Amino acid sequence: RCFRNGEGTFERLMETAALFDQYKVEYNILTVVTKQVTKNIKEI
């Protein structure tokens, strides 16, 4: 999951999750199961 310039989005997503927690937004996490996710699901 990258920006169009190739940079990753992870740090920005963690900032967003913190904002959701701060303002009591009801949210869930959606993860697309790719080969890479399957190999790392325990850690994830």
ModelCIF file with pLDDT and N, C-alpha, C, O atoms, coordinates in Angstrom:
data_MODEL
#
_entry.id   MODEL 
#
_entity.id                         1 
_entity.type                       polymer 
_entity.pdbx_number_of_molecules   1 
#
_entity_poly.entity_id                      1 
_entity_poly.type                           'polypeptide(L)' 
_entity_poly.nstd_linkage                   no 
_entity_poly.nstd_monomer                   no 
_entity_poly.pdbx_seq_one_letter_code       RCFRNGEGTFERLMETAALFDQYKVEYNILTVVTKQVTKNIKEI 
_entity_poly.pdbx_seq_one_letter_code_can   RCFRNGEGTFERLMETAALFDQYKVEYNILTVVTKQVTKNIKEI 
_entity_poly.pdbx_strand_id                 A 
#
loop_
_entity_poly_seq.entity_id 
_entity_poly_seq.num 
_entity_poly_seq.mon_id 
_entity_poly_seq.hetero 
1 1  ARG n 
1 2  CYS n 
1 3  PHE n 
1 4  ARG n 
1 5  ASN n 
1 6  GLY n 
1 7  GLU n 
1 8  GLY n 
1 9  THR n 
1 10 PHE n 
1 11 GLU n 
1 12 ARG n 
1 13 LEU n 
1 14 MET n 
1 15 GLU n 
1 16 THR n 
1 17 ALA n 
1 18 ALA n 
1 19 LEU n 
1 20 PHE n 
1 21 ASP n 
1 22 GLN n 
1 23 TYR n 
1 24 LYS n 
1 25 VAL n 
1 26 GLU n 
1 27 TYR n 
1 28 ASN n 
1 29 ILE n 
1 30 LEU n 
1 31 THR n 
1 32 VAL n 
1 33 VAL n 
1 34 THR n 
1 35 LYS n 
1 36 GLN n 
1 37 VAL n 
1 38 THR n 
1 39 LYS n 
1 40 ASN n 
1 41 ILE n 
1 42 LYS n 
1 43 GLU n 
1 44 ILE n 
#
_struct_asym.id          A 
_struct_asym.entity_id   1 
#
loop_
_ma_qa_metric.id 
_ma_qa_metric.mode 
_ma_qa_metric.name 
_ma_qa_metric.software_group_id 
_ma_qa_metric.type 
1 global pLDDT . pLDDT 
2 local  pLDDT . pLDDT 
#
_ma_qa_metric_global.metric_id      1 
_ma_qa_metric_global.metric_value   97.77 
_ma_qa_metric_global.model_id       1 
_ma_qa_metric_global.ordinal_id     1 
#
loop_
_ma_qa_metric_local.label_asym_id 
_ma_qa_metric_local.label_comp_id 
_ma_qa_metric_local.label_seq_id 
_ma_qa_metric_local.metric_id 
_ma_qa_metric_local.metric_value 
_ma_qa_metric_local.model_id 
_ma_qa_metric_local.ordinal_id 
A ARG 1  2 97.00 1 1  
A CYS 2  2 97.00 1 2  
A PHE 3  2 97.00 1 3  
A ARG 4  2 96.00 1 4  
A ASN 5  2 96.00 1 5  
A GLY 6  2 96.00 1 6  
A GLU 7  2 97.00 1 7  
A GLY 8  2 98.00 1 8  
A THR 9  2 98.00 1 9  
A PHE 10 2 98.00 1 10 
A GLU 11 2 98.00 1 11 
A ARG 12 2 98.00 1 12 
A LEU 13 2 98.00 1 13 
A MET 14 2 98.00 1 14 
A GLU 15 2 98.00 1 15 
A THR 16 2 98.00 1 16 
A ALA 17 2 98.00 1 17 
A ALA 18 2 98.00 1 18 
A LEU 19 2 98.00 1 19 
A PHE 20 2 98.00 1 20 
A ASP 21 2 98.00 1 21 
A GLN 22 2 98.00 1 22 
A TYR 23 2 98.00 1 23 
A LYS 24 2 98.00 1 24 
A VAL 25 2 98.00 1 25 
A GLU 26 2 98.00 1 26 
A TYR 27 2 98.00 1 27 
A ASN 28 2 98.00 1 28 
A ILE 29 2 98.00 1 29 
A LEU 30 2 98.00 1 30 
A THR 31 2 98.00 1 31 
A VAL 32 2 98.00 1 32 
A VAL 33 2 98.00 1 33 
A THR 34 2 98.00 1 34 
A LYS 35 2 98.00 1 35 
A GLN 36 2 98.00 1 36 
A VAL 37 2 98.00 1 37 
A THR 38 2 98.00 1 38 
A LYS 39 2 98.00 1 39 
A ASN 40 2 98.00 1 40 
A ILE 41 2 98.00 1 41 
A LYS 42 2 98.00 1 42 
A GLU 43 2 98.00 1 43 
A ILE 44 2 98.00 1 44 
#
loop_
_atom_site.group_PDB 
_atom_site.id 
_atom_site.type_symbol 
_atom_site.label_atom_id 
_atom_site.label_alt_id 
_atom_site.label_comp_id 
_atom_site.label_asym_id 
_atom_site.label_entity_id 
_atom_site.label_seq_id 
_atom_site.pdbx_PDB_ins_code 
_atom_site.Cartn_x 
_atom_site.Cartn_y 
_atom_site.Cartn_z 
_atom_site.occupancy 
_atom_site.B_iso_or_equiv 
_atom_site.pdbx_formal_charge 
_atom_site.auth_seq_id 
_atom_site.auth_comp_id 
_atom_site.auth_asym_id 
_atom_site.auth_atom_id 
_atom_site.pdbx_PDB_model_num 
ATOM 1   N N  . ARG A 1 1  ? 0.856   -1.191  0.000  1.00 97.00 ? 1  ARG A N  1 
ATOM 2   C CA . ARG A 1 1  ? 0.000   0.000   0.000  1.00 97.00 ? 1  ARG A CA 1 
ATOM 3   C C  . ARG A 1 1  ? 0.892   1.242   0.000  1.00 97.00 ? 1  ARG A C  1 
ATOM 4   O O  . ARG A 1 1  ? 1.423   1.649   1.034  1.00 97.00 ? 1  ARG A O  1 
ATOM 5   N N  . CYS A 1 2  ? 1.041   1.827   -1.181 1.00 97.00 ? 2  CYS A N  1 
ATOM 6   C CA . CYS A 1 2  ? 1.992   2.921   -1.355 1.00 97.00 ? 2  CYS A CA 1 
ATOM 7   C C  . CYS A 1 2  ? 1.319   4.160   -1.946 1.00 97.00 ? 2  CYS A C  1 
ATOM 8   O O  . CYS A 1 2  ? 0.300   4.073   -2.632 1.00 97.00 ? 2  CYS A O  1 
ATOM 9   N N  . PHE A 1 3  ? 1.924   5.314   -1.656 1.00 97.00 ? 3  PHE A N  1 
ATOM 10  C CA . PHE A 1 3  ? 1.552   6.522   -2.375 1.00 97.00 ? 3  PHE A CA 1 
ATOM 11  C C  . PHE A 1 3  ? 2.058   6.401   -3.812 1.00 97.00 ? 3  PHE A C  1 
ATOM 12  O O  . PHE A 1 3  ? 2.847   5.514   -4.137 1.00 97.00 ? 3  PHE A O  1 
ATOM 13  N N  . ARG A 1 4  ? 1.595   7.294   -4.646 1.00 96.00 ? 4  ARG A N  1 
ATOM 14  C CA . ARG A 1 4  ? 1.973   7.214   -6.062 1.00 96.00 ? 4  ARG A CA 1 
ATOM 15  C C  . ARG A 1 4  ? 3.458   7.469   -6.297 1.00 96.00 ? 4  ARG A C  1 
ATOM 16  O O  . ARG A 1 4  ? 3.986   7.116   -7.352 1.00 96.00 ? 4  ARG A O  1 
ATOM 17  N N  . ASN A 1 5  ? 4.136   8.078   -5.329 1.00 96.00 ? 5  ASN A N  1 
ATOM 18  C CA . ASN A 1 5  ? 5.583   8.276   -5.453 1.00 96.00 ? 5  ASN A CA 1 
ATOM 19  C C  . ASN A 1 5  ? 6.381   7.097   -4.917 1.00 96.00 ? 5  ASN A C  1 
ATOM 20  O O  . ASN A 1 5  ? 7.611   7.133   -4.882 1.00 96.00 ? 5  ASN A O  1 
ATOM 21  N N  . GLY A 1 6  ? 5.665   6.039   -4.495 1.00 96.00 ? 6  GLY A N  1 
ATOM 22  C CA . GLY A 1 6  ? 6.326   4.836   -4.013 1.00 96.00 ? 6  GLY A CA 1 
ATOM 23  C C  . GLY A 1 6  ? 6.528   4.782   -2.515 1.00 96.00 ? 6  GLY A C  1 
ATOM 24  O O  . GLY A 1 6  ? 6.919   3.740   -1.989 1.00 96.00 ? 6  GLY A O  1 
ATOM 25  N N  . GLU A 1 7  ? 6.274   5.873   -1.811 1.00 97.00 ? 7  GLU A N  1 
ATOM 26  C CA . GLU A 1 7  ? 6.449   5.887   -0.361 1.00 97.00 ? 7  GLU A CA 1 
ATOM 27  C C  . GLU A 1 7  ? 5.351   5.089   0.327  1.00 97.00 ? 7  GLU A C  1 
ATOM 28  O O  . GLU A 1 7  ? 4.211   5.052   -0.137 1.00 97.00 ? 7  GLU A O  1 
ATOM 29  N N  . GLY A 1 8  ? 5.706   4.451   1.437  1.00 98.00 ? 8  GLY A N  1 
ATOM 30  C CA . GLY A 1 8  ? 4.748   3.652   2.180  1.00 98.00 ? 8  GLY A CA 1 
ATOM 31  C C  . GLY A 1 8  ? 3.741   4.498   2.951  1.00 98.00 ? 8  GLY A C  1 
ATOM 32  O O  . GLY A 1 8  ? 3.969   5.683   3.195  1.00 98.00 ? 8  GLY A O  1 
ATOM 33  N N  . THR A 1 9  ? 2.645   3.889   3.324  1.00 98.00 ? 9  THR A N  1 
ATOM 34  C CA . THR A 1 9  ? 1.551   4.595   4.001  1.00 98.00 ? 9  THR A CA 1 
ATOM 35  C C  . THR A 1 9  ? 1.454   4.285   5.494  1.00 98.00 ? 9  THR A C  1 
ATOM 36  O O  . THR A 1 9  ? 0.634   4.883   6.191  1.00 98.00 ? 9  THR A O  1 
ATOM 37  N N  . PHE A 1 10 ? 2.258   3.381   5.986  1.00 98.00 ? 10 PHE A N  1 
ATOM 38  C CA . PHE A 1 10 ? 2.071   2.846   7.334  1.00 98.00 ? 10 PHE A CA 1 
ATOM 39  C C  . PHE A 1 10 ? 2.041   3.926   8.419  1.00 98.00 ? 10 PHE A C  1 
ATOM 40  O O  . PHE A 1 10 ? 1.117   3.959   9.232  1.00 98.00 ? 10 PHE A O  1 
ATOM 41  N N  . GLU A 1 11 ? 3.027   4.791   8.434  1.00 98.00 ? 11 GLU A N  1 
ATOM 42  C CA . GLU A 1 11 ? 3.106   5.799   9.491  1.00 98.00 ? 11 GLU A CA 1 
ATOM 43  C C  . GLU A 1 11 ? 1.876   6.694   9.470  1.00 98.00 ? 11 GLU A C  1 
ATOM 44  O O  . GLU A 1 11 ? 1.358   7.075   10.520 1.00 98.00 ? 11 GLU A O  1 
ATOM 45  N N  . ARG A 1 12 ? 1.416   7.026   8.281  1.00 98.00 ? 12 ARG A N  1 
ATOM 46  C CA . ARG A 1 12 ? 0.221   7.876   8.165  1.00 98.00 ? 12 ARG A CA 1 
ATOM 47  C C  . ARG A 1 12 ? -1.013  7.145   8.701  1.00 98.00 ? 12 ARG A C  1 
ATOM 48  O O  . ARG A 1 12 ? -1.876  7.762   9.325  1.00 98.00 ? 12 ARG A O  1 
ATOM 49  N N  . LEU A 1 13 ? -1.098  5.844   8.461  1.00 98.00 ? 13 LEU A N  1 
ATOM 50  C CA . LEU A 1 13 ? -2.239  5.064   8.939  1.00 98.00 ? 13 LEU A CA 1 
ATOM 51  C C  . LEU A 1 13 ? -2.265  4.992   10.460 1.00 98.00 ? 13 LEU A C  1 
ATOM 52  O O  . LEU A 1 13 ? -3.335  5.044   11.067 1.00 98.00 ? 13 LEU A O  1 
ATOM 53  N N  . MET A 1 14 ? -1.101  4.872   11.075 1.00 98.00 ? 14 MET A N  1 
ATOM 54  C CA . MET A 1 14 ? -1.043  4.832   12.526 1.00 98.00 ? 14 MET A CA 1 
ATOM 55  C C  . MET A 1 14 ? -1.468  6.178   13.125 1.00 98.00 ? 14 MET A C  1 
ATOM 56  O O  . MET A 1 14 ? -2.093  6.217   14.185 1.00 98.00 ? 14 MET A O  1 
ATOM 57  N N  . GLU A 1 15 ? -1.130  7.272   12.451 1.00 98.00 ? 15 GLU A N  1 
ATOM 58  C CA . GLU A 1 15 ? -1.591  8.594   12.894 1.00 98.00 ? 15 GLU A CA 1 
ATOM 59  C C  . GLU A 1 15 ? -3.114  8.689   12.804 1.00 98.00 ? 15 GLU A C  1 
ATOM 60  O O  . GLU A 1 15 ? -3.762  9.254   13.686 1.00 98.00 ? 15 GLU A O  1 
ATOM 61  N N  . THR A 1 16 ? -3.673  8.137   11.743 1.00 98.00 ? 16 THR A N  1 
ATOM 62  C CA . THR A 1 16 ? -5.120  8.163   11.570 1.00 98.00 ? 16 THR A CA 1 
ATOM 63  C C  . THR A 1 16 ? -5.812  7.327   12.638 1.00 98.00 ? 16 THR A C  1 
ATOM 64  O O  . THR A 1 16 ? -6.819  7.754   13.204 1.00 98.00 ? 16 THR A O  1 
ATOM 65  N N  . ALA A 1 17 ? -5.282  6.142   12.917 1.00 98.00 ? 17 ALA A N  1 
ATOM 66  C CA . ALA A 1 17 ? -5.866  5.297   13.961 1.00 98.00 ? 17 ALA A CA 1 
ATOM 67  C C  . ALA A 1 17 ? -5.847  6.024   15.309 1.00 98.00 ? 17 ALA A C  1 
ATOM 68  O O  . ALA A 1 17 ? -6.799  5.916   16.083 1.00 98.00 ? 17 ALA A O  1 
ATOM 69  N N  . ALA A 1 18 ? -4.780  6.756   15.590 1.00 98.00 ? 18 ALA A N  1 
ATOM 70  C CA . ALA A 1 18 ? -4.699  7.512   16.844 1.00 98.00 ? 18 ALA A CA 1 
ATOM 71  C C  . ALA A 1 18 ? -5.760  8.611   16.886 1.00 98.00 ? 18 ALA A C  1 
ATOM 72  O O  . ALA A 1 18 ? -6.350  8.857   17.938 1.00 98.00 ? 18 ALA A O  1 
ATOM 73  N N  . LEU A 1 19 ? -6.009  9.270   15.760 1.00 98.00 ? 19 LEU A N  1 
ATOM 74  C CA . LEU A 1 19 ? -7.063  10.284  15.691 1.00 98.00 ? 19 LEU A CA 1 
ATOM 75  C C  . LEU A 1 19 ? -8.434  9.653   15.921 1.00 98.00 ? 19 LEU A C  1 
ATOM 76  O O  . LEU A 1 19 ? -9.276  10.218  16.619 1.00 98.00 ? 19 LEU A O  1 
ATOM 77  N N  . PHE A 1 20 ? -8.649  8.491   15.335 1.00 98.00 ? 20 PHE A N  1 
ATOM 78  C CA . PHE A 1 20 ? -9.922  7.795   15.533 1.00 98.00 ? 20 PHE A CA 1 
ATOM 79  C C  . PHE A 1 20 ? -10.132 7.456   17.010 1.00 98.00 ? 20 PHE A C  1 
ATOM 80  O O  . PHE A 1 20 ? -11.231 7.612   17.541 1.00 98.00 ? 20 PHE A O  1 
ATOM 81  N N  . ASP A 1 21 ? -9.080  6.998   17.658 1.00 98.00 ? 21 ASP A N  1 
ATOM 82  C CA . ASP A 1 21 ? -9.181  6.686   19.078 1.00 98.00 ? 21 ASP A CA 1 
ATOM 83  C C  . ASP A 1 21 ? -9.471  7.958   19.891 1.00 98.00 ? 21 ASP A C  1 
ATOM 84  O O  . ASP A 1 21 ? -10.293 7.950   20.808 1.00 98.00 ? 21 ASP A O  1 
ATOM 85  N N  . GLN A 1 22 ? -8.795  9.021   19.542 1.00 98.00 ? 22 GLN A N  1 
ATOM 86  C CA . GLN A 1 22 ? -8.948  10.282  20.277 1.00 98.00 ? 22 GLN A CA 1 
ATOM 87  C C  . GLN A 1 22 ? -10.376 10.808  20.196 1.00 98.00 ? 22 GLN A C  1 
ATOM 88  O O  . GLN A 1 22 ? -10.920 11.303  21.183 1.00 98.00 ? 22 GLN A O  1 
ATOM 89  N N  . TYR A 1 23 ? -10.983 10.697  19.009 1.00 98.00 ? 23 TYR A N  1 
ATOM 90  C CA . TYR A 1 23 ? -12.325 11.265  18.801 1.00 98.00 ? 23 TYR A CA 1 
ATOM 91  C C  . TYR A 1 23 ? -13.420 10.196  18.810 1.00 98.00 ? 23 TYR A C  1 
ATOM 92  O O  . TYR A 1 23 ? -14.537 10.420  18.343 1.00 98.00 ? 23 TYR A O  1 
ATOM 93  N N  . LYS A 1 24 ? -13.071 9.036   19.350 1.00 98.00 ? 24 LYS A N  1 
ATOM 94  C CA . LYS A 1 24 ? -14.048 7.962   19.583 1.00 98.00 ? 24 LYS A CA 1 
ATOM 95  C C  . LYS A 1 24 ? -14.806 7.586   18.306 1.00 98.00 ? 24 LYS A C  1 
ATOM 96  O O  . LYS A 1 24 ? -16.025 7.415   18.312 1.00 98.00 ? 24 LYS A O  1 
ATOM 97  N N  . VAL A 1 25 ? -14.059 7.464   17.227 1.00 98.00 ? 25 VAL A N  1 
ATOM 98  C CA . VAL A 1 25 ? -14.620 6.986   15.963 1.00 98.00 ? 25 VAL A CA 1 
ATOM 99  C C  . VAL A 1 25 ? -14.731 5.469   16.032 1.00 98.00 ? 25 VAL A C  1 
ATOM 100 O O  . VAL A 1 25 ? -13.775 4.795   16.415 1.00 98.00 ? 25 VAL A O  1 
ATOM 101 N N  . GLU A 1 26 ? -15.875 4.934   15.669 1.00 98.00 ? 26 GLU A N  1 
ATOM 102 C CA . GLU A 1 26 ? -16.043 3.476   15.622 1.00 98.00 ? 26 GLU A CA 1 
ATOM 103 C C  . GLU A 1 26 ? -15.412 2.974   14.324 1.00 98.00 ? 26 GLU A C  1 
ATOM 104 O O  . GLU A 1 26 ? -15.859 3.329   13.233 1.00 98.00 ? 26 GLU A O  1 
ATOM 105 N N  . TYR A 1 27 ? -14.381 2.155   14.446 1.00 98.00 ? 27 TYR A N  1 
ATOM 106 C CA . TYR A 1 27 ? -13.699 1.718   13.228 1.00 98.00 ? 27 TYR A CA 1 
ATOM 107 C C  . TYR A 1 27 ? -13.217 0.279   13.342 1.00 98.00 ? 27 TYR A C  1 
ATOM 108 O O  . TYR A 1 27 ? -13.030 -0.255  14.436 1.00 98.00 ? 27 TYR A O  1 
ATOM 109 N N  . ASN A 1 28 ? -13.023 -0.323  12.188 1.00 98.00 ? 28 ASN A N  1 
ATOM 110 C CA . ASN A 1 28 ? -12.452 -1.657  12.111 1.00 98.00 ? 28 ASN A CA 1 
ATOM 111 C C  . ASN A 1 28 ? -11.303 -1.629  11.119 1.00 98.00 ? 28 ASN A C  1 
ATOM 112 O O  . ASN A 1 28 ? -11.167 -0.690  10.335 1.00 98.00 ? 28 ASN A O  1 
ATOM 113 N N  . ILE A 1 29 ? -10.489 -2.652  11.159 1.00 98.00 ? 29 ILE A N  1 
ATOM 114 C CA . ILE A 1 29 ? -9.331  -2.767  10.265 1.00 98.00 ? 29 ILE A CA 1 
ATOM 115 C C  . ILE A 1 29 ? -9.661  -3.750  9.147  1.00 98.00 ? 29 ILE A C  1 
ATOM 116 O O  . ILE A 1 29 ? -10.108 -4.869  9.396  1.00 98.00 ? 29 ILE A O  1 
ATOM 117 N N  . LEU A 1 30 ? -9.433  -3.315  7.924  1.00 98.00 ? 30 LEU A N  1 
ATOM 118 C CA . LEU A 1 30 ? -9.605  -4.193  6.768  1.00 98.00 ? 30 LEU A CA 1 
ATOM 119 C C  . LEU A 1 30 ? -8.233  -4.504  6.176  1.00 98.00 ? 30 LEU A C  1 
ATOM 120 O O  . LEU A 1 30 ? -7.472  -3.601  5.829  1.00 98.00 ? 30 LEU A O  1 
ATOM 121 N N  . THR A 1 31 ? -7.932  -5.788  6.070  1.00 98.00 ? 31 THR A N  1 
ATOM 122 C CA . THR A 1 31 ? -6.652  -6.244  5.530  1.00 98.00 ? 31 THR A CA 1 
ATOM 123 C C  . THR A 1 31 ? -6.895  -7.132  4.323  1.00 98.00 ? 31 THR A C  1 
ATOM 124 O O  . THR A 1 31 ? -7.673  -8.084  4.390  1.00 98.00 ? 31 THR A O  1 
ATOM 125 N N  . VAL A 1 32 ? -6.233  -6.822  3.224  1.00 98.00 ? 32 VAL A N  1 
ATOM 126 C CA . VAL A 1 32 ? -6.306  -7.657  2.029  1.00 98.00 ? 32 VAL A CA 1 
ATOM 127 C C  . VAL A 1 32 ? -5.278  -8.775  2.171  1.00 98.00 ? 32 VAL A C  1 
ATOM 128 O O  . VAL A 1 32 ? -4.099  -8.524  2.419  1.00 98.00 ? 32 VAL A O  1 
ATOM 129 N N  . VAL A 1 33 ? -5.743  -10.011 2.009  1.00 98.00 ? 33 VAL A N  1 
ATOM 130 C CA . VAL A 1 33 ? -4.871  -11.169 2.214  1.00 98.00 ? 33 VAL A CA 1 
ATOM 131 C C  . VAL A 1 33 ? -4.103  -11.466 0.931  1.00 98.00 ? 33 VAL A C  1 
ATOM 132 O O  . VAL A 1 33 ? -4.638  -12.056 -0.007 1.00 98.00 ? 33 VAL A O  1 
ATOM 133 N N  . THR A 1 34 ? -2.872  -11.057 0.907  1.00 98.00 ? 34 THR A N  1 
ATOM 134 C CA . THR A 1 34 ? -1.953  -11.339 -0.189 1.00 98.00 ? 34 THR A CA 1 
ATOM 135 C C  . THR A 1 34 ? -0.983  -12.436 0.246  1.00 98.00 ? 34 THR A C  1 
ATOM 136 O O  . THR A 1 34 ? -1.011  -12.891 1.390  1.00 98.00 ? 34 THR A O  1 
ATOM 137 N N  . LYS A 1 35 ? -0.133  -12.846 -0.678 1.00 98.00 ? 35 LYS A N  1 
ATOM 138 C CA . LYS A 1 35 ? 0.907   -13.831 -0.329 1.00 98.00 ? 35 LYS A CA 1 
ATOM 139 C C  . LYS A 1 35 ? 1.754   -13.310 0.835  1.00 98.00 ? 35 LYS A C  1 
ATOM 140 O O  . LYS A 1 35 ? 2.103   -14.059 1.747  1.00 98.00 ? 35 LYS A O  1 
ATOM 141 N N  . GLN A 1 36 ? 2.080   -12.011 0.788  1.00 98.00 ? 36 GLN A N  1 
ATOM 142 C CA . GLN A 1 36 ? 2.926   -11.443 1.832  1.00 98.00 ? 36 GLN A CA 1 
ATOM 143 C C  . GLN A 1 36 ? 2.238   -11.469 3.203  1.00 98.00 ? 36 GLN A C  1 
ATOM 144 O O  . GLN A 1 36 ? 2.885   -11.713 4.222  1.00 98.00 ? 36 GLN A O  1 
ATOM 145 N N  . VAL A 1 37 ? 0.939   -11.219 3.220  1.00 98.00 ? 37 VAL A N  1 
ATOM 146 C CA . VAL A 1 37 ? 0.202   -11.251 4.487  1.00 98.00 ? 37 VAL A CA 1 
ATOM 147 C C  . VAL A 1 37 ? 0.143   -12.672 5.030  1.00 98.00 ? 37 VAL A C  1 
ATOM 148 O O  . VAL A 1 37 ? 0.281   -12.878 6.236  1.00 98.00 ? 37 VAL A O  1 
ATOM 149 N N  . THR A 1 38 ? -0.060  -13.651 4.160  1.00 98.00 ? 38 THR A N  1 
ATOM 150 C CA . THR A 1 38 ? -0.146  -15.040 4.638  1.00 98.00 ? 38 THR A CA 1 
ATOM 151 C C  . THR A 1 38 ? 1.137   -15.477 5.327  1.00 98.00 ? 38 THR A C  1 
ATOM 152 O O  . THR A 1 38 ? 1.097   -16.233 6.298  1.00 98.00 ? 38 THR A O  1 
ATOM 153 N N  . LYS A 1 39 ? 2.261   -15.010 4.835  1.00 98.00 ? 39 LYS A N  1 
ATOM 154 C CA . LYS A 1 39 ? 3.548   -15.424 5.400  1.00 98.00 ? 39 LYS A CA 1 
ATOM 155 C C  . LYS A 1 39 ? 3.826   -14.785 6.762  1.00 98.00 ? 39 LYS A C  1 
ATOM 156 O O  . LYS A 1 39 ? 4.701   -15.233 7.503  1.00 98.00 ? 39 LYS A O  1 
ATOM 157 N N  . ASN A 1 40 ? 3.073   -13.739 7.077  1.00 98.00 ? 40 ASN A N  1 
ATOM 158 C CA . ASN A 1 40 ? 3.371   -12.978 8.292  1.00 98.00 ? 40 ASN A CA 1 
ATOM 159 C C  . ASN A 1 40 ? 2.164   -12.803 9.204  1.00 98.00 ? 40 ASN A C  1 
ATOM 160 O O  . ASN A 1 40 ? 2.168   -11.924 10.066 1.00 98.00 ? 40 ASN A O  1 
ATOM 161 N N  . ILE A 1 41 ? 1.132   -13.624 9.030  1.00 98.00 ? 41 ILE A N  1 
ATOM 162 C CA . ILE A 1 41 ? -0.122  -13.372 9.737  1.00 98.00 ? 41 ILE A CA 1 
ATOM 163 C C  . ILE A 1 41 ? 0.020   -13.473 11.254 1.00 98.00 ? 41 ILE A C  1 
ATOM 164 O O  . ILE A 1 41 ? -0.663  -12.739 11.968 1.00 98.00 ? 41 ILE A O  1 
ATOM 165 N N  . LYS A 1 42 ? 0.869   -14.341 11.771 1.00 98.00 ? 42 LYS A N  1 
ATOM 166 C CA . LYS A 1 42 ? 1.026   -14.432 13.227 1.00 98.00 ? 42 LYS A CA 1 
ATOM 167 C C  . LYS A 1 42 ? 1.555   -13.125 13.800 1.00 98.00 ? 42 LYS A C  1 
ATOM 168 O O  . LYS A 1 42 ? 1.049   -12.637 14.811 1.00 98.00 ? 42 LYS A O  1 
ATOM 169 N N  . GLU A 1 43 ? 2.566   -12.563 13.160 1.00 98.00 ? 43 GLU A N  1 
ATOM 170 C CA . GLU A 1 43 ? 3.118   -11.285 13.614 1.00 98.00 ? 43 GLU A CA 1 
ATOM 171 C C  . GLU A 1 43 ? 2.111   -10.156 13.424 1.00 98.00 ? 43 GLU A C  1 
ATOM 172 O O  . GLU A 1 43 ? 2.006   -9.260  14.262 1.00 98.00 ? 43 GLU A O  1 
ATOM 173 N N  . ILE A 1 44 ? 1.376   -10.206 12.323 1.00 98.00 ? 44 ILE A N  1 
ATOM 174 C CA . ILE A 1 44 ? 0.369   -9.178  12.050 1.00 98.00 ? 44 ILE A CA 1 
ATOM 175 C C  . ILE A 1 44 ? -0.733  -9.210  13.106 1.00 98.00 ? 44 ILE A C  1 
ATOM 176 O O  . ILE A 1 44 ? -1.671  -8.416  13.044 1.00 98.00 ? 44 ILE A O  1 
#
